[in-house]
Amino acid sequence: MPTFGSLPLVTPRLTLRPLGETDAPAFFAIYSHPEVMRFWSSPPLTDVAQARKSVLAIEEGYRCGDFLQLGLERQRDAALIGTCTIFSFHAASRRAEMGYALGRPYWGAGYMHEALTALVHYAFGELNLHRLEADIDPRNRASARTLERLGFQQEGLLRERWIVGDEISDTAWYGWLCWEWQNNLQITRG
């Protein structure tokens, strides 16, 4: 399992940092919002105690290297506005999945693109991953645009993969390879 050095990650407007106990109320505000959780693979949180339990699991994930979930802290006011995660590491294949959530008040300002650009750079650089994957609900066009803008390609559709409450939904499977990311960097610098 990886070790997570070189944290936090800093972008022009955000600091991507490990989460801690004091983040539970803001974490709850993000993950309890029905619009944020609309296309998620689990229902919205209903109690701040669930957020505290989640944050404790996230802290354990840092320690054992199972997953890395970072809080997106806006620099101008230190508000926790979202999270982004690298998880399901497959060490032999140097592969992992990526996930993200942004608080509803912060949609449409480019924060997630900024955060995920830094996270992808960290994953392919510092963590030396060969492949990143993302699983989204195909009805979530905003998330699809976010991934495609970064450079991910949709690779398939898994029918009726999730059941959340009484709703059955498909998965759009996205992937991005390290060499594609490196080529993209050369073009943008070029």
Protein backbone atom coordinates (compact mmCIF):
# COMPACT_ATOMS: atom_id res chain seq x y z
CA MET A 1 0.00 0.00 0.00
CA PRO A 2 1.21 3.53 -0.71
CA THR A 3 2.44 6.07 1.77
CA PHE A 4 1.02 9.52 1.36
CA GLY A 5 3.86 12.02 1.48
CA SER A 6 4.01 15.56 0.08
CA LEU A 7 0.71 16.65 1.57
CA PRO A 8 -1.09 19.01 1.56
CA LEU A 9 -1.48 19.82 -2.13
CA VAL A 10 -1.87 23.51 -2.91
CA THR A 11 -3.60 25.03 -5.94
CA PRO A 12 -4.28 28.70 -6.70
CA ARG A 13 -7.52 28.72 -4.66
CA LEU A 14 -7.50 25.50 -2.65
CA THR A 15 -5.53 23.44 -0.19
CA LEU A 16 -6.14 19.69 -0.51
CA ARG A 17 -5.44 18.39 2.97
CA PRO A 18 -6.05 15.39 5.19
CA LEU A 19 -9.34 15.47 7.07
CA GLY A 20 -9.57 15.45 10.86
CA GLU A 21 -12.13 15.27 13.66
CA THR A 22 -12.98 18.96 13.50
CA ASP A 23 -14.09 18.55 9.87
CA ALA A 24 -17.07 16.33 10.77
CA PRO A 25 -19.70 19.13 10.72
CA ALA A 26 -18.58 20.42 7.29
CA PHE A 27 -18.28 16.83 6.02
CA PHE A 28 -21.85 16.25 7.17
CA ALA A 29 -23.05 19.40 5.39
CA ILE A 30 -21.56 18.14 2.12
CA TYR A 31 -22.60 14.48 2.34
CA SER A 32 -26.09 15.06 3.71
CA HIS A 33 -27.21 17.32 0.87
CA PRO A 34 -29.66 15.48 -1.42
CA GLU A 35 -28.41 17.16 -4.62
CA VAL A 36 -24.77 16.34 -3.85
CA MET A 37 -25.72 12.72 -3.11
CA ARG A 38 -28.22 12.36 -5.98
CA PHE A 39 -25.90 10.22 -8.09
CA TRP A 40 -23.82 8.75 -5.28
CA SER A 41 -23.55 5.01 -4.52
CA SER A 42 -24.90 5.49 -0.99
CA PRO A 43 -27.70 7.56 0.51
CA PRO A 44 -27.14 10.98 2.09
CA LEU A 45 -25.90 11.09 5.67
CA THR A 46 -28.68 11.71 8.16
CA ASP A 47 -26.74 12.48 11.35
CA VAL A 48 -23.48 14.22 12.19
CA ALA A 49 -22.44 11.07 14.10
CA GLN A 50 -22.22 9.30 10.71
CA ALA A 51 -19.87 12.05 9.53
CA ARG A 52 -17.69 11.62 12.64
CA LYS A 53 -17.51 7.87 12.00
CA SER A 54 -16.59 8.51 8.35
CA VAL A 55 -13.84 10.93 9.31
CA LEU A 56 -12.39 8.37 11.74
CA ALA A 57 -12.36 5.77 8.94
CA ILE A 58 -10.68 8.30 6.63
CA GLU A 59 -7.97 8.93 9.23
CA GLU A 60 -7.41 5.16 9.51
CA GLY A 61 -7.18 5.00 5.71
CA TYR A 62 -4.29 7.48 5.83
CA ARG A 63 -2.45 5.44 8.45
CA CYS A 64 -2.74 2.07 6.74
CA GLY A 65 -2.51 3.37 3.15
CA ASP A 66 -5.87 1.93 2.07
CA PHE A 67 -7.22 5.17 0.66
CA LEU A 68 -6.57 8.88 0.57
CA GLN A 69 -9.50 11.24 1.01
CA LEU A 70 -8.53 14.89 1.07
CA GLY A 71 -10.61 17.86 2.09
CA LEU A 72 -10.85 20.77 -0.33
CA GLU A 73 -10.23 23.83 1.81
CA ARG A 74 -10.84 27.17 0.16
CA GLN A 75 -7.83 29.35 0.91
CA ARG A 76 -9.61 32.69 1.21
CA ASP A 77 -11.78 31.62 4.16
CA ALA A 78 -10.58 28.09 5.18
CA ALA A 79 -14.04 26.66 4.35
CA LEU A 80 -14.15 22.90 3.71
CA ILE A 81 -16.06 22.81 0.42
CA GLY A 82 -15.61 19.22 -0.77
CA THR A 83 -13.45 16.12 -0.89
CA CYS A 84 -11.52 14.09 -3.41
CA THR A 85 -10.36 10.53 -2.94
CA ILE A 86 -8.00 7.93 -4.31
CA PHE A 87 -9.03 4.42 -3.25
CA SER A 88 -9.19 0.74 -4.27
CA PHE A 89 -5.45 0.58 -4.85
CA HIS A 90 -4.24 -2.42 -6.83
CA ALA A 91 -0.51 -2.31 -6.12
CA ALA A 92 0.62 -4.93 -8.67
CA SER A 93 -1.10 -3.06 -11.51
CA ARG A 94 -0.37 0.43 -10.09
CA ARG A 95 -4.07 1.21 -10.44
CA ALA A 96 -6.60 3.04 -8.26
CA GLU A 97 -10.04 4.63 -8.40
CA MET A 98 -10.83 8.29 -7.91
CA GLY A 99 -13.93 9.88 -6.40
CA TYR A 100 -15.04 13.37 -5.43
CA ALA A 101 -17.86 15.44 -3.98
CA LEU A 102 -18.37 19.19 -3.87
CA GLY A 103 -20.70 21.06 -1.54
CA ARG A 104 -23.76 22.38 -3.37
CA PRO A 105 -23.03 26.09 -2.76
CA TYR A 106 -19.70 25.74 -4.60
CA TRP A 107 -20.87 24.15 -7.87
CA GLY A 108 -20.00 25.87 -11.13
CA ALA A 109 -16.92 27.80 -9.97
CA GLY A 110 -14.25 25.41 -11.31
CA TYR A 111 -13.16 24.22 -7.87
CA MET A 112 -13.41 20.52 -8.67
CA HIS A 113 -11.42 20.79 -11.89
CA GLU A 114 -8.73 22.65 -9.99
CA ALA A 115 -8.67 20.07 -7.20
CA LEU A 116 -8.73 17.01 -9.46
CA THR A 117 -5.95 18.42 -11.64
CA ALA A 118 -3.75 18.50 -8.53
CA LEU A 119 -4.93 15.07 -7.35
CA VAL A 120 -4.24 13.46 -10.74
CA HIS A 121 -0.77 15.05 -10.80
CA TYR A 122 -0.15 13.59 -7.33
CA ALA A 123 -1.50 10.14 -8.32
CA PHE A 124 0.55 9.78 -11.50
CA GLY A 125 3.60 11.59 -10.08
CA GLU A 126 4.12 11.00 -6.36
CA LEU A 127 2.16 7.72 -6.16
CA ASN A 128 3.53 6.45 -9.50
CA LEU A 129 0.17 5.05 -10.60
CA HIS A 130 -0.18 3.71 -14.12
CA ARG A 131 -3.97 3.99 -14.33
CA LEU A 132 -6.76 5.97 -12.67
CA GLU A 133 -10.40 4.93 -12.88
CA ALA A 134 -13.69 6.62 -12.02
CA ASP A 135 -17.18 5.19 -11.67
CA ILE A 136 -20.02 7.68 -12.16
CA ASP A 137 -23.75 7.55 -12.75
CA PRO A 138 -24.16 8.24 -16.49
CA ARG A 139 -27.04 10.63 -15.75
CA ASN A 140 -24.56 12.90 -13.94
CA ARG A 141 -23.50 14.94 -16.97
CA ALA A 142 -21.62 17.51 -14.87
CA SER A 143 -19.38 14.79 -13.45
CA ALA A 144 -18.84 13.29 -16.91
CA ARG A 145 -17.80 16.74 -18.22
CA THR A 146 -15.40 17.13 -15.29
CA LEU A 147 -13.69 13.81 -16.05
CA GLU A 148 -13.58 14.38 -19.80
CA ARG A 149 -12.17 17.89 -19.37
CA LEU A 150 -9.32 16.39 -17.32
CA GLY A 151 -8.57 13.77 -19.99
CA PHE A 152 -10.45 10.66 -18.82
CA GLN A 153 -12.16 8.54 -21.46
CA GLN A 154 -15.38 6.63 -20.98
CA GLU A 155 -14.50 2.97 -21.40
CA GLY A 156 -17.78 1.25 -20.77
CA LEU A 157 -21.19 1.06 -19.20
CA LEU A 158 -22.03 -1.38 -16.42
CA ARG A 159 -25.77 -1.91 -16.37
CA GLU A 160 -27.73 -1.76 -13.12
CA ARG A 161 -24.57 -1.82 -10.98
CA TRP A 162 -25.87 0.13 -7.97
CA ILE A 163 -29.00 -0.09 -5.86
CA VAL A 164 -29.40 2.85 -3.48
CA GLY A 165 -32.66 2.81 -1.60
CA ASP A 166 -35.15 1.66 -4.19
CA GLU A 167 -33.32 3.15 -7.17
CA ILE A 168 -31.26 1.02 -9.56
CA SER A 169 -28.62 2.83 -11.61
CA ASP A 170 -25.93 2.13 -14.16
CA THR A 171 -22.24 2.97 -13.98
CA ALA A 172 -20.27 4.83 -16.63
CA TRP A 173 -16.69 3.60 -16.28
CA TYR A 174 -13.87 6.07 -17.04
CA GLY A 175 -10.12 5.54 -17.24
CA TRP A 176 -6.96 7.55 -17.76
CA LEU A 177 -3.47 6.19 -18.28
CA CYS A 178 -0.27 7.78 -17.04
CA TRP A 179 1.24 8.06 -20.52
CA GLU A 180 -1.91 9.85 -21.74
CA TRP A 181 -1.59 12.28 -18.83
CA GLN A 182 2.10 12.85 -19.66
CA ASN A 183 1.24 13.52 -23.32
CA ASN A 184 -1.46 15.95 -22.20
CA LEU A 185 1.09 17.78 -20.01
CA GLN A 186 3.50 18.11 -22.94
CA ILE A 187 0.77 19.52 -25.17
CA THR A 188 -0.38 22.09 -22.61
CA ARG A 189 3.21 23.17 -21.87
CA GLY A 190 4.15 23.02 -25.51
